Amino acid sequence: MRLLGIDLAWKDGSEGKLANETGVVALEPSGEIVAAGWTVGIEETFEWISGWASEETIAFVDAPLVVTNPPGTQRRCERDVGRREQRGDERARRRSPAGATRSGGVEV
């Protein structure tokens, strides 16, 4: 059974702007990495998946969320992570408010 890991990009792109890169990896059951790299855009990502997947494949996808919490607030899970992380780690303090201009995502 082959395993695929897909870390979807935060933004899919728009007219005049390239999409962010999506990280992709294919592993054999032994743990051997047989493919790893980047795709750009949903179509290229689907093509990569189709090229490496079979009926005996499991895909693990890390995808951006579209959240509905009000601007300036955090979800409980974000607050909990922030409390547990080092105070100097900016990643631990990132919020995901519904009004964030950096929000991305596509419907598939």
N, C-alpha and C. Protein backbone atom coordinates (compact mmCIF):
# COMPACT_ATOMS: atom_id res chain seq x y z
N MET A 1 0.84 -1.18 0.00
CA MET A 1 0.00 0.00 0.00
C MET A 1 0.89 1.24 0.00
N ARG A 2 0.68 2.11 -0.94
CA ARG A 2 1.45 3.36 -1.02
C ARG A 2 0.75 4.43 -0.20
N LEU A 3 1.54 5.31 0.39
CA LEU A 3 1.02 6.44 1.17
C LEU A 3 1.39 7.73 0.47
N LEU A 4 0.43 8.65 0.38
CA LEU A 4 0.69 9.96 -0.20
C LEU A 4 0.47 11.02 0.88
N GLY A 5 1.36 11.98 0.93
CA GLY A 5 1.20 13.13 1.82
C GLY A 5 1.05 14.37 0.97
N ILE A 6 0.02 15.15 1.23
CA ILE A 6 -0.24 16.36 0.46
C ILE A 6 -0.46 17.50 1.44
N ASP A 7 0.39 18.51 1.39
CA ASP A 7 0.26 19.69 2.24
C ASP A 7 -0.21 20.83 1.34
N LEU A 8 -1.54 21.00 1.26
CA LEU A 8 -2.12 21.95 0.30
C LEU A 8 -1.71 23.39 0.59
N ALA A 9 -1.47 24.12 -0.49
CA ALA A 9 -1.09 25.53 -0.39
C ALA A 9 -2.23 26.35 0.18
N TRP A 10 -1.87 27.46 0.80
CA TRP A 10 -2.85 28.34 1.40
C TRP A 10 -3.66 29.09 0.35
N LYS A 11 -3.04 29.45 -0.77
CA LYS A 11 -3.77 30.18 -1.81
C LYS A 11 -3.62 29.47 -3.14
N ASP A 12 -4.71 29.42 -3.89
CA ASP A 12 -4.71 28.75 -5.19
C ASP A 12 -4.32 29.67 -6.34
N GLY A 13 -4.13 30.92 -6.09
CA GLY A 13 -3.74 31.85 -7.15
C GLY A 13 -4.93 32.59 -7.72
N SER A 14 -4.62 33.56 -8.55
CA SER A 14 -5.65 34.35 -9.20
C SER A 14 -5.05 34.92 -10.47
N GLU A 15 -5.83 35.68 -11.19
CA GLU A 15 -5.34 36.25 -12.43
C GLU A 15 -4.09 37.10 -12.17
N GLY A 16 -3.01 36.75 -12.83
CA GLY A 16 -1.76 37.48 -12.66
C GLY A 16 -0.92 37.07 -11.46
N LYS A 17 -1.42 36.15 -10.63
CA LYS A 17 -0.68 35.70 -9.44
C LYS A 17 -0.61 34.19 -9.44
N LEU A 18 0.58 33.67 -9.32
CA LEU A 18 0.73 32.22 -9.22
C LEU A 18 0.23 31.71 -7.88
N ALA A 19 -0.25 30.50 -7.89
CA ALA A 19 -0.66 29.84 -6.65
C ALA A 19 0.57 29.53 -5.81
N ASN A 20 0.38 29.41 -4.51
CA ASN A 20 1.46 28.95 -3.65
C ASN A 20 1.75 27.48 -3.94
N GLU A 21 2.92 27.03 -3.53
CA GLU A 21 3.30 25.64 -3.78
C GLU A 21 2.68 24.70 -2.76
N THR A 22 2.25 23.54 -3.24
CA THR A 22 1.74 22.46 -2.40
C THR A 22 2.84 21.42 -2.28
N GLY A 23 3.13 20.98 -1.07
CA GLY A 23 4.14 19.95 -0.86
C GLY A 23 3.53 18.57 -1.04
N VAL A 24 4.23 17.70 -1.76
CA VAL A 24 3.72 16.35 -2.03
C VAL A 24 4.83 15.31 -1.79
N VAL A 25 4.43 14.14 -1.28
CA VAL A 25 5.38 13.06 -1.07
C VAL A 25 4.65 11.72 -1.24
N ALA A 26 5.35 10.76 -1.83
CA ALA A 26 4.84 9.39 -1.97
C ALA A 26 5.80 8.45 -1.26
N LEU A 27 5.25 7.56 -0.41
CA LEU A 27 6.06 6.62 0.35
C LEU A 27 5.58 5.21 0.13
N GLU A 28 6.52 4.30 0.13
CA GLU A 28 6.20 2.87 0.11
C GLU A 28 5.98 2.41 1.55
N PRO A 29 5.35 1.26 1.75
CA PRO A 29 5.12 0.77 3.12
C PRO A 29 6.39 0.64 3.95
N SER A 30 7.51 0.44 3.30
CA SER A 30 8.80 0.32 4.00
C SER A 30 9.27 1.66 4.55
N GLY A 31 8.63 2.76 4.12
CA GLY A 31 9.06 4.09 4.51
C GLY A 31 9.92 4.76 3.46
N GLU A 32 10.26 4.01 2.41
CA GLU A 32 11.08 4.59 1.34
C GLU A 32 10.31 5.70 0.61
N ILE A 33 10.94 6.86 0.49
CA ILE A 33 10.34 7.96 -0.25
C ILE A 33 10.62 7.73 -1.73
N VAL A 34 9.55 7.58 -2.51
CA VAL A 34 9.72 7.33 -3.94
C VAL A 34 9.48 8.59 -4.77
N ALA A 35 8.88 9.60 -4.18
CA ALA A 35 8.69 10.87 -4.87
C ALA A 35 8.44 11.95 -3.82
N ALA A 36 9.00 13.12 -4.06
CA ALA A 36 8.77 14.26 -3.18
C ALA A 36 9.00 15.52 -3.99
N GLY A 37 8.18 16.52 -3.73
CA GLY A 37 8.37 17.75 -4.47
C GLY A 37 7.25 18.73 -4.22
N TRP A 38 7.01 19.54 -5.23
CA TRP A 38 6.04 20.63 -5.14
C TRP A 38 5.14 20.62 -6.36
N THR A 39 3.90 21.01 -6.17
CA THR A 39 2.99 21.26 -7.28
C THR A 39 2.46 22.68 -7.10
N VAL A 40 1.97 23.25 -8.19
CA VAL A 40 1.41 24.60 -8.14
C VAL A 40 -0.01 24.55 -8.70
N GLY A 41 -0.98 24.86 -7.88
CA GLY A 41 -2.37 24.87 -8.32
C GLY A 41 -3.05 23.52 -8.16
N ILE A 42 -4.36 23.57 -8.12
CA ILE A 42 -5.18 22.38 -7.90
C ILE A 42 -5.01 21.37 -9.03
N GLU A 43 -5.04 21.82 -10.26
CA GLU A 43 -4.94 20.90 -11.40
C GLU A 43 -3.63 20.11 -11.37
N GLU A 44 -2.52 20.81 -11.15
CA GLU A 44 -1.22 20.14 -11.10
C GLU A 44 -1.15 19.17 -9.92
N THR A 45 -1.77 19.54 -8.81
CA THR A 45 -1.79 18.67 -7.63
C THR A 45 -2.60 17.41 -7.92
N PHE A 46 -3.78 17.57 -8.54
CA PHE A 46 -4.58 16.40 -8.92
C PHE A 46 -3.82 15.49 -9.89
N GLU A 47 -3.11 16.09 -10.84
CA GLU A 47 -2.32 15.29 -11.79
C GLU A 47 -1.24 14.49 -11.06
N TRP A 48 -0.57 15.11 -10.08
CA TRP A 48 0.47 14.42 -9.33
C TRP A 48 -0.15 13.26 -8.55
N ILE A 49 -1.26 13.50 -7.89
CA ILE A 49 -1.94 12.44 -7.13
C ILE A 49 -2.32 11.30 -8.05
N SER A 50 -2.91 11.62 -9.19
CA SER A 50 -3.33 10.58 -10.15
C SER A 50 -2.15 9.75 -10.63
N GLY A 51 -1.01 10.38 -10.77
CA GLY A 51 0.18 9.68 -11.24
C GLY A 51 0.79 8.72 -10.22
N TRP A 52 0.54 8.96 -8.94
CA TRP A 52 1.14 8.13 -7.90
C TRP A 52 0.14 7.24 -7.16
N ALA A 53 -1.14 7.49 -7.32
CA ALA A 53 -2.15 6.73 -6.58
C ALA A 53 -2.63 5.51 -7.34
N SER A 54 -3.06 4.51 -6.58
CA SER A 54 -3.71 3.32 -7.13
C SER A 54 -4.84 2.97 -6.17
N GLU A 55 -5.49 1.84 -6.40
CA GLU A 55 -6.55 1.42 -5.48
C GLU A 55 -6.01 1.10 -4.10
N GLU A 56 -4.72 0.81 -4.01
CA GLU A 56 -4.09 0.46 -2.74
C GLU A 56 -3.31 1.64 -2.17
N THR A 57 -3.87 2.83 -2.23
CA THR A 57 -3.20 4.05 -1.77
C THR A 57 -4.05 4.74 -0.71
N ILE A 58 -3.36 5.26 0.30
CA ILE A 58 -4.01 6.12 1.29
C ILE A 58 -3.36 7.49 1.17
N ALA A 59 -4.18 8.53 1.09
CA ALA A 59 -3.67 9.90 1.00
C ALA A 59 -3.98 10.64 2.30
N PHE A 60 -2.98 11.33 2.80
CA PHE A 60 -3.11 12.17 3.99
C PHE A 60 -3.00 13.61 3.51
N VAL A 61 -4.02 14.41 3.80
CA VAL A 61 -4.07 15.78 3.29
C VAL A 61 -4.12 16.77 4.44
N ASP A 62 -3.20 17.73 4.41
CA ASP A 62 -3.20 18.84 5.35
C ASP A 62 -3.70 20.04 4.55
N ALA A 63 -4.91 20.50 4.87
CA ALA A 63 -5.54 21.56 4.08
C ALA A 63 -5.84 22.77 4.93
N PRO A 64 -5.75 23.96 4.35
CA PRO A 64 -6.14 25.17 5.07
C PRO A 64 -7.63 25.13 5.42
N LEU A 65 -7.97 25.73 6.52
CA LEU A 65 -9.35 25.79 6.96
C LEU A 65 -9.96 27.15 6.63
N VAL A 66 -11.23 27.15 6.37
CA VAL A 66 -11.98 28.40 6.33
C VAL A 66 -12.74 28.43 7.64
N VAL A 67 -12.44 29.41 8.46
CA VAL A 67 -13.02 29.48 9.79
C VAL A 67 -14.00 30.64 9.87
N THR A 68 -14.89 30.58 10.83
CA THR A 68 -15.94 31.59 10.94
C THR A 68 -15.87 32.40 12.23
N ASN A 69 -14.78 32.31 12.97
CA ASN A 69 -14.72 33.12 14.18
C ASN A 69 -14.54 34.61 13.82
N PRO A 70 -15.07 35.49 14.65
CA PRO A 70 -15.01 36.93 14.35
C PRO A 70 -13.57 37.44 14.30
N PRO A 71 -13.33 38.49 13.51
CA PRO A 71 -12.00 39.10 13.45
C PRO A 71 -11.50 39.46 14.85
N GLY A 72 -10.20 39.23 15.09
CA GLY A 72 -9.60 39.57 16.37
C GLY A 72 -9.76 38.51 17.45
N THR A 73 -10.37 37.39 17.11
CA THR A 73 -10.56 36.32 18.10
C THR A 73 -9.83 35.07 17.63
N GLN A 74 -9.69 34.12 18.53
CA GLN A 74 -9.05 32.85 18.21
C GLN A 74 -9.99 31.71 18.55
N ARG A 75 -9.80 30.60 17.81
CA ARG A 75 -10.52 29.38 18.17
C ARG A 75 -9.86 28.80 19.42
N ARG A 76 -10.60 28.00 20.17
CA ARG A 76 -10.07 27.43 21.41
C ARG A 76 -8.77 26.67 21.15
N CYS A 77 -8.72 25.90 20.05
CA CYS A 77 -7.51 25.12 19.77
C CYS A 77 -6.31 26.04 19.56
N GLU A 78 -6.52 27.22 18.94
CA GLU A 78 -5.41 28.16 18.73
C GLU A 78 -4.94 28.75 20.06
N ARG A 79 -5.88 29.06 20.94
CA ARG A 79 -5.50 29.57 22.26
C ARG A 79 -4.70 28.52 23.02
N ASP A 80 -5.16 27.25 22.97
CA ASP A 80 -4.47 26.18 23.69
C ASP A 80 -3.05 25.99 23.16
N VAL A 81 -2.89 26.00 21.84
CA VAL A 81 -1.55 25.85 21.27
C VAL A 81 -0.67 27.02 21.69
N GLY A 82 -1.22 28.22 21.63
CA GLY A 82 -0.47 29.41 22.02
C GLY A 82 0.02 29.36 23.45
N ARG A 83 -0.79 28.81 24.33
CA ARG A 83 -0.40 28.71 25.74
C ARG A 83 0.74 27.71 25.93
N ARG A 84 0.80 26.71 25.07
CA ARG A 84 1.78 25.65 25.24
C ARG A 84 3.10 25.93 24.51
N GLU A 85 3.06 26.82 23.55
CA GLU A 85 4.26 27.12 22.77
C GLU A 85 5.10 28.18 23.46
N GLN A 86 6.34 28.27 23.04
CA GLN A 86 7.21 29.31 23.58
C GLN A 86 6.66 30.67 23.20
N ARG A 87 6.79 31.60 24.08
CA ARG A 87 6.25 32.94 23.84
C ARG A 87 6.88 33.61 22.62
N GLY A 88 8.09 33.28 22.28
CA GLY A 88 8.77 33.91 21.14
C GLY A 88 8.42 33.32 19.79
N ASP A 89 7.59 32.29 19.75
CA ASP A 89 7.25 31.61 18.51
C ASP A 89 6.02 32.26 17.88
N GLU A 90 6.24 33.07 16.83
CA GLU A 90 5.15 33.79 16.17
C GLU A 90 4.08 32.84 15.65
N ARG A 91 4.48 31.66 15.18
CA ARG A 91 3.51 30.71 14.63
C ARG A 91 2.45 30.32 15.65
N ALA A 92 2.81 30.30 16.92
CA ALA A 92 1.86 29.89 17.96
C ALA A 92 0.80 30.95 18.20
N ARG A 93 1.04 32.18 17.75
CA ARG A 93 0.09 33.26 18.02
C ARG A 93 -0.75 33.63 16.80
N ARG A 94 -0.61 32.92 15.72
CA ARG A 94 -1.38 33.24 14.52
C ARG A 94 -2.86 32.96 14.74
N ARG A 95 -3.67 33.85 14.24
CA ARG A 95 -5.12 33.70 14.34
C ARG A 95 -5.69 33.36 12.99
N SER A 96 -6.88 32.82 12.99
CA SER A 96 -7.57 32.47 11.75
C SER A 96 -8.97 33.07 11.72
N PRO A 97 -9.09 34.40 11.83
CA PRO A 97 -10.42 35.00 11.81
C PRO A 97 -11.05 34.95 10.43
N ALA A 98 -12.35 34.97 10.41
CA ALA A 98 -13.08 34.90 9.15
C ALA A 98 -12.73 36.06 8.24
N GLY A 99 -12.43 37.22 8.78
CA GLY A 99 -12.14 38.39 7.96
C GLY A 99 -10.70 38.53 7.53
N ALA A 100 -9.86 37.55 7.80
CA ALA A 100 -8.45 37.64 7.45
C ALA A 100 -8.27 37.74 5.94
N THR A 101 -7.44 38.69 5.52
CA THR A 101 -7.21 38.88 4.09
C THR A 101 -6.33 37.78 3.51
N ARG A 102 -5.61 37.06 4.35
CA ARG A 102 -4.73 36.01 3.84
C ARG A 102 -5.44 34.68 3.68
N SER A 103 -6.72 34.63 4.06
CA SER A 103 -7.45 33.38 3.94
C SER A 103 -7.48 32.92 2.50
N GLY A 104 -7.34 31.65 2.30
CA GLY A 104 -7.37 31.10 0.96
C GLY A 104 -8.24 29.88 0.93
N GLY A 105 -8.05 29.07 -0.09
CA GLY A 105 -8.79 27.84 -0.18
C GLY A 105 -9.65 27.80 -1.43
N VAL A 106 -9.94 26.62 -1.83
CA VAL A 106 -10.81 26.40 -2.98
C VAL A 106 -11.76 25.29 -2.64
N GLU A 107 -12.85 25.24 -3.33
CA GLU A 107 -13.82 24.17 -3.14
C GLU A 107 -13.53 23.10 -4.15
N VAL A 108 -13.34 21.86 -3.72
CA VAL A 108 -13.07 20.75 -4.65
C VAL A 108 -14.14 19.69 -4.51
